[in-house]
Amino acid sequence: MREEMINHKKRVFITLGFACLVIAGGIWFRASREDQLRGKGGPGCLSFGQGKTVLALFEDFRCGPCHRFMEEIFPQIEANYIETNRARFLFIPVAFLEGSKPLANAALGVYQIDSSLFVPFVHELFQIEEPTPEEILSAARKVGITDLARLAQCIEQEQYYKDLEKNLRLGEALMGDEFGTPTLFLNGKRIDTTWRDISQKMDKKK
């Protein structure tokens, strides 16, 4: 009987120890992902501006609310925080909606060709109904991209598809069941995408 009790206690301690390791591992995994949003990110994370404060946006270029965010909220962020060097802004394109992967791939390509035309190009991407190479190149031509051959190669070779998959996995790991776009993080912590909430939380960073 005594030996059975000792074995039972051992099993309990082993089970508890394993559970603690799982919990600790989950906390570390999430923390490491949040740290990515405080740094410069990877090849699929596009950085604008300077500053210790980092705003990171997950968006899909076929997402209606993302379009509204870019039209209504981002210009205020750009004027108040990016251009004034109060914050660095990370765009993290994801592609989970139908037809969005070619658009996001092209956006990453445009950033590498001329980062100053990325935002105007994104505005044009949201206007595209059929994400064909011809429509994407037409949008690039409209905003002044000169190296269309390089962009066409990026589109044909699906150059950034792997980076987009990594972005998607990062977003899913951070948001879990609440995954969606647009989603904004401030120094690795999720915040609302309303201008009121963004400005209030940024004011606390002064």
Protein backbone atom coordinates (compact mmCIF):
# COMPACT_ATOMS: atom_id res chain seq x y z
CA MET A 1 0.00 0.00 0.00
CA ARG A 2 2.78 2.41 0.93
CA GLU A 3 4.57 1.68 -2.33
CA GLU A 4 1.38 2.36 -4.31
CA MET A 5 0.96 5.73 -2.55
CA ILE A 6 4.57 6.66 -3.35
CA ASN A 7 4.09 5.71 -7.01
CA HIS A 8 0.84 7.67 -7.13
CA LYS A 9 2.57 10.76 -5.74
CA LYS A 10 5.34 10.38 -8.30
CA ARG A 11 2.80 10.24 -11.10
CA VAL A 12 1.06 13.35 -9.74
CA PHE A 13 4.34 15.28 -9.51
CA ILE A 14 5.35 14.18 -13.03
CA THR A 15 1.95 15.22 -14.42
CA LEU A 16 2.10 18.59 -12.66
CA GLY A 17 5.66 19.13 -13.82
CA PHE A 18 4.72 18.37 -17.42
CA ALA A 19 1.72 20.72 -17.20
CA CYS A 20 3.97 23.51 -15.88
CA LEU A 21 6.40 22.96 -18.76
CA VAL A 22 3.58 23.15 -21.30
CA ILE A 23 2.25 26.37 -19.77
CA ALA A 24 5.72 27.89 -19.54
CA GLY A 25 6.42 26.87 -23.13
CA GLY A 26 3.19 28.50 -24.29
CA ILE A 27 4.04 31.73 -22.48
CA TRP A 28 7.56 31.76 -23.94
CA PHE A 29 6.21 31.02 -27.45
CA ARG A 30 3.78 33.94 -27.28
CA ALA A 31 6.39 36.26 -25.77
CA SER A 32 8.85 35.42 -28.55
CA ARG A 33 6.18 36.23 -31.15
CA GLU A 34 5.39 39.53 -29.43
CA ASP A 35 9.10 40.36 -29.46
CA GLN A 36 9.02 40.07 -33.26
CA LEU A 37 6.54 42.95 -33.30
CA ARG A 38 8.94 45.12 -31.28
CA GLY A 39 11.84 44.52 -33.65
CA LYS A 40 12.24 45.08 -37.36
CA GLY A 41 10.41 41.91 -38.27
CA GLY A 42 11.35 39.56 -41.09
CA PRO A 43 11.35 39.92 -44.90
CA GLY A 44 7.55 40.01 -44.89
CA CYS A 45 7.33 42.83 -42.31
CA LEU A 46 7.66 46.24 -43.93
CA SER A 47 9.11 49.01 -41.77
CA PHE A 48 8.42 52.75 -41.98
CA GLY A 49 9.67 55.57 -39.78
CA GLN A 50 11.81 55.66 -36.67
CA GLY A 51 11.21 55.59 -32.94
CA LYS A 52 11.29 53.21 -30.01
CA THR A 53 7.51 52.75 -30.09
CA VAL A 54 6.42 50.20 -32.68
CA LEU A 55 2.97 49.94 -34.23
CA ALA A 56 2.44 46.71 -36.19
CA LEU A 57 -0.54 46.18 -38.48
CA PHE A 58 -1.78 42.86 -39.85
CA GLU A 59 -3.91 43.39 -42.94
CA ASP A 60 -5.31 41.54 -45.94
CA PHE A 61 -5.67 43.47 -49.20
CA ARG A 62 -9.09 41.93 -49.91
CA CYS A 63 -10.43 42.95 -46.49
CA GLY A 64 -13.01 45.75 -46.46
CA PRO A 65 -12.25 46.96 -42.91
CA CYS A 66 -8.53 47.02 -43.85
CA HIS A 67 -9.38 49.30 -46.75
CA ARG A 68 -11.26 51.65 -44.44
CA PHE A 69 -8.36 51.61 -41.97
CA MET A 70 -5.93 52.61 -44.72
CA GLU A 71 -8.24 55.37 -45.95
CA GLU A 72 -9.31 56.83 -42.62
CA ILE A 73 -6.91 55.85 -39.81
CA PHE A 74 -3.49 55.29 -41.37
CA PRO A 75 -3.14 58.88 -42.72
CA GLN A 76 -3.54 60.14 -39.13
CA ILE A 77 -0.95 57.65 -37.87
CA GLU A 78 1.39 58.67 -40.67
CA ALA A 79 1.06 62.40 -40.00
CA ASN A 80 1.18 62.24 -36.20
CA TYR A 81 3.60 59.41 -35.48
CA ILE A 82 5.56 58.18 -38.50
CA GLU A 83 6.53 61.50 -40.08
CA THR A 84 7.31 62.97 -36.64
CA ASN A 85 9.52 59.98 -35.75
CA ARG A 86 7.43 59.20 -32.69
CA ALA A 87 6.88 55.63 -33.86
CA ARG A 88 8.02 53.02 -36.31
CA PHE A 89 5.24 51.34 -38.27
CA LEU A 90 5.32 47.73 -39.42
CA PHE A 91 3.02 46.54 -42.19
CA ILE A 92 2.53 42.78 -41.94
CA PRO A 93 0.55 41.63 -44.99
CA VAL A 94 -1.35 38.37 -44.63
CA ALA A 95 -3.26 36.51 -47.32
CA PHE A 96 -6.14 34.37 -46.12
CA LEU A 97 -9.01 35.80 -48.16
CA GLU A 98 -9.69 34.61 -51.70
CA GLY A 99 -7.49 36.34 -54.26
CA SER A 100 -5.38 38.23 -51.74
CA LYS A 101 -2.08 36.36 -52.07
CA PRO A 102 -1.12 37.82 -55.52
CA LEU A 103 -1.91 41.32 -54.19
CA ALA A 104 0.15 40.91 -51.03
CA ASN A 105 3.01 39.36 -52.99
CA ALA A 106 3.05 42.36 -55.34
CA ALA A 107 2.92 44.79 -52.40
CA LEU A 108 6.03 43.20 -50.92
CA GLY A 109 7.67 43.44 -54.32
CA VAL A 110 6.85 47.14 -54.67
CA TYR A 111 8.30 47.83 -51.21
CA GLN A 112 11.62 46.35 -52.37
CA ILE A 113 11.56 48.33 -55.62
CA ASP A 114 10.54 51.70 -54.14
CA SER A 115 9.28 51.79 -50.54
CA SER A 116 8.04 55.37 -50.96
CA LEU A 117 5.38 54.09 -53.38
CA PHE A 118 4.20 51.23 -51.17
CA VAL A 119 1.30 53.07 -49.51
CA PRO A 120 -0.03 54.62 -52.77
CA PHE A 121 0.23 51.17 -54.37
CA VAL A 122 -1.72 49.59 -51.51
CA HIS A 123 -4.51 52.13 -52.03
CA GLU A 124 -4.66 51.01 -55.67
CA LEU A 125 -4.64 47.33 -54.72
CA PHE A 126 -7.83 47.78 -52.73
CA GLN A 127 -9.53 49.01 -55.92
CA ILE A 128 -8.72 45.86 -57.90
CA GLU A 129 -11.66 43.54 -58.50
CA GLU A 130 -9.84 40.71 -60.31
CA PRO A 131 -6.27 40.21 -59.01
CA THR A 132 -4.73 39.34 -62.38
CA PRO A 133 -1.09 40.16 -63.20
CA GLU A 134 -2.31 42.68 -65.76
CA GLU A 135 -4.47 44.54 -63.22
CA ILE A 136 -1.68 44.52 -60.62
CA LEU A 137 0.87 45.88 -63.10
CA SER A 138 -1.62 48.51 -64.21
CA ALA A 139 -1.96 49.65 -60.59
CA ALA A 140 1.83 49.79 -60.28
CA ARG A 141 2.10 51.83 -63.47
CA LYS A 142 -0.53 54.24 -62.14
CA VAL A 143 1.49 55.08 -58.98
CA GLY A 144 4.75 55.50 -60.89
CA ILE A 145 6.61 52.22 -60.51
CA THR A 146 9.30 52.32 -63.18
CA ASP A 147 10.80 48.84 -62.86
CA LEU A 148 7.73 46.97 -64.05
CA ALA A 149 9.84 44.11 -65.38
CA ARG A 150 11.14 43.39 -61.89
CA LEU A 151 7.62 43.48 -60.46
CA ALA A 152 6.33 41.22 -63.25
CA GLN A 153 9.05 38.71 -62.37
CA CYS A 154 8.06 38.93 -58.69
CA ILE A 155 4.45 38.17 -59.65
CA GLU A 156 5.32 35.32 -62.01
CA GLN A 157 7.68 33.65 -59.53
CA GLU A 158 5.36 34.17 -56.54
CA GLN A 159 8.46 35.50 -54.87
CA TYR A 160 7.07 36.30 -51.42
CA TYR A 161 4.51 33.54 -50.94
CA LYS A 162 6.61 31.83 -48.26
CA ASP A 163 6.97 35.10 -46.34
CA LEU A 164 3.21 35.57 -46.50
CA GLU A 165 2.72 32.10 -45.02
CA LYS A 166 5.07 33.03 -42.17
CA ASN A 167 3.12 36.24 -41.58
CA LEU A 168 -0.11 34.29 -41.44
CA ARG A 169 1.29 31.80 -38.93
CA LEU A 170 2.60 34.68 -36.82
CA GLY A 171 -0.81 36.36 -36.81
CA GLU A 172 -2.59 33.12 -35.93
CA ALA A 173 -0.13 32.42 -33.11
CA LEU A 174 -0.62 35.89 -31.63
CA MET A 175 -4.39 36.17 -32.05
CA GLY A 176 -5.56 32.57 -31.70
CA ASP A 177 -9.32 32.24 -32.08
CA GLU A 178 -9.59 36.04 -32.44
CA PHE A 179 -7.55 36.12 -35.63
CA GLY A 180 -8.72 38.73 -38.09
CA THR A 181 -7.77 41.88 -39.96
CA PRO A 182 -7.08 44.70 -39.54
CA THR A 183 -5.33 44.02 -36.24
CA LEU A 184 -2.95 46.50 -34.64
CA PHE A 185 -0.26 45.91 -32.02
CA LEU A 186 1.52 48.56 -29.95
CA ASN A 187 4.92 47.32 -28.73
CA GLY A 188 3.67 43.75 -29.05
CA LYS A 189 0.32 44.30 -27.31
CA ARG A 190 -2.94 44.24 -29.23
CA ILE A 191 -4.96 47.48 -29.28
CA ASP A 192 -8.15 48.67 -30.96
CA THR A 193 -7.89 50.04 -34.50
CA THR A 194 -9.93 53.16 -33.70
CA TRP A 195 -8.11 56.49 -33.84
CA ARG A 196 -9.34 57.30 -30.35
CA ASP A 197 -7.73 54.22 -28.81
CA ILE A 198 -4.54 54.55 -30.85
CA SER A 199 -4.04 58.23 -29.96
CA GLN A 200 -4.83 57.68 -26.27
CA LYS A 201 -2.32 54.85 -25.97
CA MET A 202 0.30 56.72 -27.98
CA ASP A 203 -0.12 59.81 -25.78
CA LYS A 204 0.82 57.68 -22.79
CA LYS A 205 4.12 56.92 -24.53
CA LYS A 206 5.25 60.56 -24.49
